[in-house]
Amino acid sequence: MKKLFMLFIAGLFSLTMALSAQARTIQVTTLEDFRADNPPQILHIQMNGNLRLDYDTMLFQGFQVTGRVVSNQGQGGGFVFVPVSYVNYQDEQIQLQKQFPALIRTGANVVRQNQPFALIFPNNTTEKFQYYVPSVSDMN
């Protein structure tokens, strides 16, 4: 019975790891009030952590992101946040060329300004990227 229980726990752990490798959840803060059941068409958020969208694009903590909110009725309901631009630390507004849809997950129906909520990027495979960091000897 103990081995069966340990096998069940191992299977549950491996399933959790497999699901978490495919999706990336990031906490963000809203910059204006909105209703989770009827959000505005354009939403402004601030990143509460770093998120690499693809090899060339990374949203750092503190970046302000503007995105479109579209209905996700065909795939389980809810709404999807699609970032279209962000403001970096130098106050430059950068347009995103690709689409990176994320599911909006909130615990409340009304999300107030400066209240955190979660965005789930289901197709985030950037964790597998390997980066080369140059050393001092490479610069000679």
N, C-alpha and C. Protein backbone atom coordinates (compact mmCIF):
# COMPACT_ATOMS: atom_id res chain seq x y z
N MET A 1 0.82 -1.19 0.00
CA MET A 1 0.00 0.00 0.00
C MET A 1 0.87 1.26 0.00
N LYS A 2 1.97 1.21 0.73
CA LYS A 2 2.87 2.35 0.80
C LYS A 2 3.52 2.62 -0.56
N LYS A 3 3.89 1.52 -1.28
CA LYS A 3 4.48 1.69 -2.61
C LYS A 3 3.46 2.26 -3.59
N LEU A 4 2.21 1.84 -3.49
CA LEU A 4 1.16 2.35 -4.36
C LEU A 4 0.95 3.85 -4.11
N PHE A 5 0.96 4.24 -2.85
CA PHE A 5 0.81 5.64 -2.50
C PHE A 5 1.98 6.46 -3.04
N MET A 6 3.20 5.96 -2.90
CA MET A 6 4.39 6.67 -3.40
C MET A 6 4.36 6.77 -4.94
N LEU A 7 3.87 5.73 -5.59
CA LEU A 7 3.74 5.75 -7.05
C LEU A 7 2.72 6.81 -7.48
N PHE A 8 1.62 6.90 -6.73
CA PHE A 8 0.60 7.91 -7.02
C PHE A 8 1.17 9.31 -6.85
N ILE A 9 1.91 9.55 -5.78
CA ILE A 9 2.52 10.86 -5.53
C ILE A 9 3.53 11.20 -6.63
N ALA A 10 4.35 10.23 -7.03
CA ALA A 10 5.33 10.46 -8.10
C ALA A 10 4.63 10.80 -9.42
N GLY A 11 3.54 10.10 -9.73
CA GLY A 11 2.79 10.39 -10.95
C GLY A 11 2.17 11.77 -10.91
N LEU A 12 1.63 12.14 -9.77
CA LEU A 12 1.04 13.47 -9.62
C LEU A 12 2.10 14.57 -9.76
N PHE A 13 3.27 14.34 -9.18
CA PHE A 13 4.37 15.30 -9.27
C PHE A 13 4.85 15.45 -10.72
N SER A 14 4.99 14.34 -11.42
CA SER A 14 5.45 14.42 -12.81
C SER A 14 4.42 15.10 -13.71
N LEU A 15 3.14 14.87 -13.45
CA LEU A 15 2.08 15.54 -14.22
C LEU A 15 2.12 17.04 -13.97
N THR A 16 2.31 17.43 -12.72
CA THR A 16 2.40 18.86 -12.38
C THR A 16 3.59 19.50 -13.07
N MET A 17 4.72 18.83 -13.08
CA MET A 17 5.91 19.37 -13.72
C MET A 17 5.72 19.49 -15.23
N ALA A 18 5.06 18.51 -15.83
CA ALA A 18 4.83 18.55 -17.28
C ALA A 18 3.91 19.70 -17.66
N LEU A 19 2.86 19.93 -16.86
CA LEU A 19 1.95 21.03 -17.15
C LEU A 19 2.59 22.38 -16.91
N SER A 20 3.40 22.49 -15.88
CA SER A 20 4.02 23.78 -15.58
C SER A 20 5.11 24.12 -16.59
N ALA A 21 5.69 23.14 -17.26
CA ALA A 21 6.72 23.42 -18.26
C ALA A 21 6.12 24.03 -19.52
N GLN A 22 4.85 23.77 -19.78
CA GLN A 22 4.23 24.27 -20.99
C GLN A 22 3.66 25.67 -20.81
N ALA A 23 3.20 26.00 -19.63
CA ALA A 23 2.58 27.30 -19.39
C ALA A 23 3.41 28.08 -18.39
N ARG A 24 3.35 29.40 -18.52
CA ARG A 24 4.08 30.26 -17.60
C ARG A 24 3.09 31.23 -16.99
N THR A 25 2.98 31.24 -15.67
CA THR A 25 2.10 32.15 -14.96
C THR A 25 2.93 33.27 -14.38
N ILE A 26 2.48 34.50 -14.60
CA ILE A 26 3.19 35.66 -14.09
C ILE A 26 2.18 36.59 -13.41
N GLN A 27 2.58 37.15 -12.28
CA GLN A 27 1.71 38.08 -11.58
C GLN A 27 1.95 39.49 -12.12
N VAL A 28 0.87 40.19 -12.37
CA VAL A 28 0.92 41.56 -12.87
C VAL A 28 -0.01 42.41 -12.01
N THR A 29 0.12 43.72 -12.15
CA THR A 29 -0.73 44.67 -11.42
C THR A 29 -1.47 45.52 -12.43
N THR A 30 -2.76 45.70 -12.22
CA THR A 30 -3.54 46.52 -13.13
C THR A 30 -3.32 48.00 -12.82
N LEU A 31 -3.31 48.81 -13.85
CA LEU A 31 -3.13 50.25 -13.69
C LEU A 31 -4.45 51.01 -13.73
N GLU A 32 -5.56 50.29 -13.89
CA GLU A 32 -6.90 50.88 -13.82
C GLU A 32 -7.88 49.81 -13.38
N ASP A 33 -9.02 50.23 -12.83
CA ASP A 33 -10.06 49.30 -12.41
C ASP A 33 -10.66 48.61 -13.64
N PHE A 34 -11.05 47.33 -13.48
CA PHE A 34 -11.80 46.66 -14.53
C PHE A 34 -12.60 45.51 -13.93
N ARG A 35 -13.63 45.11 -14.64
CA ARG A 35 -14.46 43.97 -14.24
C ARG A 35 -13.96 42.73 -14.98
N ALA A 36 -13.75 41.66 -14.26
CA ALA A 36 -13.21 40.43 -14.87
C ALA A 36 -14.21 39.81 -15.84
N ASP A 37 -15.51 40.01 -15.61
CA ASP A 37 -16.51 39.43 -16.51
C ASP A 37 -16.79 40.32 -17.73
N ASN A 38 -16.35 41.58 -17.68
CA ASN A 38 -16.56 42.51 -18.79
C ASN A 38 -15.40 43.51 -18.83
N PRO A 39 -14.18 43.05 -19.16
CA PRO A 39 -13.03 43.96 -19.14
C PRO A 39 -13.07 44.93 -20.32
N PRO A 40 -12.29 46.01 -20.23
CA PRO A 40 -12.23 46.96 -21.35
C PRO A 40 -11.50 46.34 -22.54
N GLN A 41 -11.60 46.98 -23.69
CA GLN A 41 -10.93 46.46 -24.88
C GLN A 41 -9.42 46.63 -24.79
N ILE A 42 -8.96 47.68 -24.11
CA ILE A 42 -7.54 47.95 -23.91
C ILE A 42 -7.28 47.96 -22.41
N LEU A 43 -6.22 47.24 -22.00
CA LEU A 43 -5.88 47.14 -20.58
C LEU A 43 -4.41 47.49 -20.38
N HIS A 44 -4.13 48.24 -19.33
CA HIS A 44 -2.77 48.63 -18.99
C HIS A 44 -2.36 47.92 -17.71
N ILE A 45 -1.21 47.26 -17.75
CA ILE A 45 -0.73 46.51 -16.59
C ILE A 45 0.73 46.86 -16.33
N GLN A 46 1.20 46.47 -15.15
CA GLN A 46 2.62 46.60 -14.82
C GLN A 46 3.12 45.23 -14.42
N MET A 47 4.29 44.86 -14.91
CA MET A 47 4.86 43.55 -14.65
C MET A 47 5.37 43.49 -13.20
N ASN A 48 5.05 42.39 -12.50
CA ASN A 48 5.54 42.17 -11.15
C ASN A 48 6.71 41.20 -11.13
N GLY A 49 7.14 40.74 -12.29
CA GLY A 49 8.27 39.82 -12.43
C GLY A 49 8.77 39.87 -13.85
N ASN A 50 9.85 39.17 -14.10
CA ASN A 50 10.42 39.11 -15.45
C ASN A 50 9.76 37.99 -16.25
N LEU A 51 9.54 38.24 -17.54
CA LEU A 51 8.94 37.23 -18.41
C LEU A 51 9.58 37.34 -19.79
N ARG A 52 10.16 36.25 -20.25
CA ARG A 52 10.71 36.19 -21.60
C ARG A 52 9.61 35.67 -22.51
N LEU A 53 9.21 36.51 -23.49
CA LEU A 53 8.16 36.13 -24.43
C LEU A 53 8.70 35.27 -25.56
N ASP A 54 9.85 35.65 -26.08
CA ASP A 54 10.55 34.85 -27.08
C ASP A 54 12.03 35.16 -26.96
N TYR A 55 12.80 34.68 -27.89
CA TYR A 55 14.25 34.83 -27.79
C TYR A 55 14.68 36.29 -27.76
N ASP A 56 13.96 37.16 -28.46
CA ASP A 56 14.34 38.56 -28.58
C ASP A 56 13.60 39.51 -27.63
N THR A 57 12.53 39.07 -27.02
CA THR A 57 11.67 39.97 -26.26
C THR A 57 11.54 39.51 -24.81
N MET A 58 11.89 40.42 -23.89
CA MET A 58 11.74 40.13 -22.47
C MET A 58 11.06 41.32 -21.81
N LEU A 59 10.04 41.03 -21.01
CA LEU A 59 9.37 42.05 -20.23
C LEU A 59 9.91 41.96 -18.80
N PHE A 60 10.53 43.04 -18.34
CA PHE A 60 11.14 43.06 -17.02
C PHE A 60 10.17 43.60 -15.98
N GLN A 61 10.45 43.27 -14.74
CA GLN A 61 9.65 43.77 -13.64
C GLN A 61 9.63 45.30 -13.69
N GLY A 62 8.45 45.89 -13.58
CA GLY A 62 8.30 47.34 -13.63
C GLY A 62 7.88 47.87 -14.98
N PHE A 63 8.06 47.09 -16.06
CA PHE A 63 7.62 47.55 -17.38
C PHE A 63 6.09 47.71 -17.36
N GLN A 64 5.61 48.75 -18.03
CA GLN A 64 4.18 48.95 -18.19
C GLN A 64 3.79 48.44 -19.57
N VAL A 65 2.80 47.55 -19.59
CA VAL A 65 2.41 46.86 -20.83
C VAL A 65 0.97 47.25 -21.18
N THR A 66 0.75 47.54 -22.44
CA THR A 66 -0.59 47.81 -22.97
C THR A 66 -0.98 46.64 -23.84
N GLY A 67 -2.23 46.19 -23.66
CA GLY A 67 -2.68 45.05 -24.45
C GLY A 67 -4.16 45.10 -24.77
N ARG A 68 -4.51 44.33 -25.78
CA ARG A 68 -5.92 44.16 -26.15
C ARG A 68 -6.50 43.03 -25.34
N VAL A 69 -7.78 43.14 -25.00
CA VAL A 69 -8.49 42.08 -24.31
C VAL A 69 -9.54 41.55 -25.27
N VAL A 70 -9.47 40.24 -25.54
CA VAL A 70 -10.41 39.61 -26.47
C VAL A 70 -11.10 38.45 -25.76
N SER A 71 -12.30 38.15 -26.20
CA SER A 71 -13.08 37.06 -25.62
C SER A 71 -12.49 35.72 -26.01
N ASN A 72 -12.53 34.78 -25.10
CA ASN A 72 -12.02 33.43 -25.33
C ASN A 72 -13.16 32.42 -25.19
N GLN A 73 -14.34 32.76 -25.71
CA GLN A 73 -15.53 31.92 -25.53
C GLN A 73 -15.39 30.55 -26.19
N GLY A 74 -14.68 30.46 -27.28
CA GLY A 74 -14.55 29.19 -27.99
C GLY A 74 -13.65 28.19 -27.31
N GLN A 75 -12.76 28.65 -26.43
CA GLN A 75 -11.79 27.75 -25.81
C GLN A 75 -11.87 27.81 -24.30
N GLY A 76 -13.03 27.55 -23.74
CA GLY A 76 -13.17 27.46 -22.30
C GLY A 76 -13.65 28.72 -21.62
N GLY A 77 -13.95 29.76 -22.37
CA GLY A 77 -14.47 30.98 -21.78
C GLY A 77 -13.40 31.87 -21.21
N GLY A 78 -13.86 32.97 -20.63
CA GLY A 78 -12.93 33.93 -20.07
C GLY A 78 -12.44 34.91 -21.12
N PHE A 79 -11.35 35.60 -20.77
CA PHE A 79 -10.79 36.60 -21.66
C PHE A 79 -9.29 36.39 -21.80
N VAL A 80 -8.77 36.86 -22.93
CA VAL A 80 -7.36 36.72 -23.24
C VAL A 80 -6.75 38.11 -23.37
N PHE A 81 -5.59 38.29 -22.77
CA PHE A 81 -4.82 39.53 -22.85
C PHE A 81 -3.73 39.33 -23.90
N VAL A 82 -3.70 40.20 -24.91
CA VAL A 82 -2.69 40.12 -25.97
C VAL A 82 -1.85 41.40 -25.90
N PRO A 83 -0.61 41.32 -25.40
CA PRO A 83 0.22 42.53 -25.31
C PRO A 83 0.52 43.09 -26.70
N VAL A 84 0.41 44.42 -26.83
CA VAL A 84 0.71 45.07 -28.11
C VAL A 84 1.90 46.02 -28.00
N SER A 85 2.19 46.54 -26.80
CA SER A 85 3.34 47.42 -26.62
C SER A 85 3.72 47.46 -25.15
N TYR A 86 4.92 47.96 -24.88
CA TYR A 86 5.36 48.15 -23.50
C TYR A 86 6.25 49.37 -23.42
N VAL A 87 6.36 49.90 -22.21
CA VAL A 87 7.22 51.06 -21.94
C VAL A 87 8.37 50.55 -21.10
N ASN A 88 9.60 50.77 -21.59
CA ASN A 88 10.78 50.27 -20.89
C ASN A 88 11.27 51.29 -19.86
N TYR A 89 12.43 51.03 -19.27
CA TYR A 89 12.97 51.90 -18.23
C TYR A 89 13.38 53.27 -18.75
N GLN A 90 13.64 53.42 -20.03
CA GLN A 90 14.01 54.70 -20.62
C GLN A 90 12.78 55.47 -21.12
N ASP A 91 11.59 55.04 -20.74
CA ASP A 91 10.32 55.63 -21.16
C ASP A 91 10.11 55.58 -22.66
N GLU A 92 10.68 54.57 -23.32
CA GLU A 92 10.46 54.35 -24.74
C GLU A 92 9.31 53.36 -24.90
N GLN A 93 8.36 53.68 -25.78
CA GLN A 93 7.27 52.76 -26.05
C GLN A 93 7.67 51.86 -27.21
N ILE A 94 7.67 50.56 -26.97
CA ILE A 94 8.11 49.58 -27.96
C ILE A 94 6.90 48.74 -28.38
N GLN A 95 6.66 48.69 -29.69
CA GLN A 95 5.57 47.90 -30.24
C GLN A 95 6.01 46.44 -30.37
N LEU A 96 5.14 45.52 -30.03
CA LEU A 96 5.42 44.09 -30.20
C LEU A 96 4.97 43.66 -31.59
N GLN A 97 5.84 42.97 -32.30
CA GLN A 97 5.53 42.52 -33.66
C GLN A 97 4.76 41.21 -33.68
N LYS A 98 4.94 40.38 -32.65
CA LYS A 98 4.27 39.09 -32.58
C LYS A 98 3.16 39.14 -31.54
N GLN A 99 2.26 38.17 -31.60
CA GLN A 99 1.19 38.07 -30.62
C GLN A 99 1.55 37.02 -29.58
N PHE A 100 1.36 37.38 -28.31
CA PHE A 100 1.63 36.48 -27.19
C PHE A 100 0.39 36.46 -26.29
N PRO A 101 -0.65 35.69 -26.65
CA PRO A 101 -1.88 35.70 -25.85
C PRO A 101 -1.68 35.06 -24.48
N ALA A 102 -2.37 35.64 -23.48
CA ALA A 102 -2.31 35.13 -22.11
C ALA A 102 -3.71 35.13 -21.52
N LEU A 103 -4.03 34.08 -20.79
CA LEU A 103 -5.33 34.00 -20.12
C LEU A 103 -5.32 34.87 -18.87
N ILE A 104 -6.41 35.58 -18.64
CA ILE A 104 -6.55 36.42 -17.45
C ILE A 104 -7.17 35.57 -16.35
N ARG A 105 -6.49 35.52 -15.20
CA ARG A 105 -7.00 34.78 -14.05
C ARG A 105 -7.04 35.70 -12.84
N THR A 106 -8.25 35.97 -12.34
CA THR A 106 -8.43 36.79 -11.15
C THR A 106 -9.27 36.04 -10.14
N GLY A 107 -9.11 36.38 -8.89
CA GLY A 107 -9.93 35.78 -7.84
C GLY A 107 -11.17 36.59 -7.55
N ALA A 108 -11.24 37.80 -8.08
CA ALA A 108 -12.37 38.69 -7.81
C ALA A 108 -13.05 39.08 -9.12
N ASN A 109 -14.30 39.48 -9.01
CA ASN A 109 -15.03 39.93 -10.19
C ASN A 109 -14.61 41.34 -10.59
N VAL A 110 -14.33 42.19 -9.59
CA VAL A 110 -13.86 43.55 -9.85
C VAL A 110 -12.41 43.63 -9.42
N VAL A 111 -11.55 44.03 -10.34
CA VAL A 111 -10.12 44.17 -10.04
C VAL A 111 -9.84 45.67 -9.97
N ARG A 112 -9.38 46.11 -8.81
CA ARG A 112 -9.12 47.53 -8.57
C ARG A 112 -7.72 47.92 -9.02
N GLN A 113 -7.52 49.20 -9.23
CA GLN A 113 -6.21 49.73 -9.59
C GLN A 113 -5.17 49.32 -8.55
N ASN A 114 -3.99 48.93 -9.02
CA ASN A 114 -2.86 48.46 -8.19
C ASN A 114 -3.11 47.12 -7.52
N GLN A 115 -4.13 46.39 -7.94
CA GLN A 115 -4.40 45.06 -7.40
C GLN A 115 -3.76 44.01 -8.31
N PRO A 116 -3.01 43.06 -7.74
CA PRO A 116 -2.37 42.05 -8.58
C PRO A 116 -3.35 40.98 -9.05
N PHE A 117 -3.06 40.41 -10.21
CA PHE A 117 -3.77 39.25 -10.74
C PHE A 117 -2.80 38.47 -11.60
N ALA A 118 -3.21 37.34 -12.12
CA ALA A 118 -2.30 36.46 -12.86
C ALA A 118 -2.61 36.44 -14.35
N LEU A 119 -1.55 36.36 -15.13
CA LEU A 119 -1.65 36.09 -16.56
C LEU A 119 -0.97 34.75 -16.81
N ILE A 120 -1.62 33.89 -17.59
CA ILE A 120 -1.08 32.57 -17.91
C ILE A 120 -0.77 32.54 -19.39
N PHE A 121 0.53 32.43 -19.70
CA PHE A 121 0.98 32.32 -21.09
C PHE A 121 1.09 30.84 -21.41
N PRO A 122 0.11 30.26 -22.11
CA PRO A 122 0.07 28.80 -22.30
C PRO A 122 1.16 28.25 -23.21
N ASN A 123 1.65 29.02 -24.15
CA ASN A 123 2.62 28.50 -25.12
C ASN A 123 4.02 29.05 -24.87
N ASN A 124 4.38 29.25 -23.63
CA ASN A 124 5.67 29.84 -23.31
C ASN A 124 6.72 28.74 -23.23
N THR A 125 7.56 28.65 -24.23
CA THR A 125 8.60 27.61 -24.28
C THR A 125 9.99 28.22 -24.17
N THR A 126 10.08 29.44 -23.65
CA THR A 126 11.36 30.13 -23.60
C THR A 126 12.27 29.62 -22.49
N GLU A 127 11.79 28.78 -21.60
CA GLU A 127 12.62 28.27 -20.51
C GLU A 127 13.73 27.36 -21.05
N LYS A 128 13.60 26.90 -22.27
CA LYS A 128 14.58 25.97 -22.85
C LYS A 128 15.72 26.71 -23.56
N PHE A 129 15.63 28.04 -23.66
CA PHE A 129 16.69 28.80 -24.31
C PHE A 129 17.97 28.71 -23.50
N GLN A 130 19.08 28.62 -24.19
CA GLN A 130 20.38 28.66 -23.55
C GLN A 130 21.07 29.94 -23.99
N TYR A 131 21.65 30.63 -23.04
CA TYR A 131 22.25 31.92 -23.32
C TYR A 131 23.75 31.84 -23.10
N TYR A 132 24.48 32.57 -23.91
CA TYR A 132 25.92 32.66 -23.77
C TYR A 132 26.24 33.98 -23.08
N VAL A 133 26.89 33.91 -21.96
CA VAL A 133 27.30 35.12 -21.25
C VAL A 133 28.80 35.28 -21.45
N PRO A 134 29.23 36.35 -22.11
CA PRO A 134 30.66 36.52 -22.38
C PRO A 134 31.43 36.78 -21.09
N SER A 135 32.65 36.32 -21.09
CA SER A 135 33.54 36.58 -19.96
C SER A 135 34.52 37.69 -20.33
N VAL A 136 35.33 38.09 -19.40
CA VAL A 136 36.30 39.16 -19.65
C VAL A 136 37.30 38.72 -20.71
N SER A 137 37.68 37.46 -20.73
CA SER A 137 38.66 36.98 -21.72
C SER A 137 38.10 37.01 -23.14
N ASP A 138 36.77 36.97 -23.31
CA ASP A 138 36.18 37.04 -24.65
C ASP A 138 36.22 38.44 -25.23
N MET A 139 36.42 39.43 -24.41
CA MET A 139 36.38 40.82 -24.87
C MET A 139 37.76 41.33 -25.33
N ASN A 140 38.76 40.53 -25.25
CA ASN A 140 40.12 40.94 -25.68
C ASN A 140 40.34 40.63 -27.14
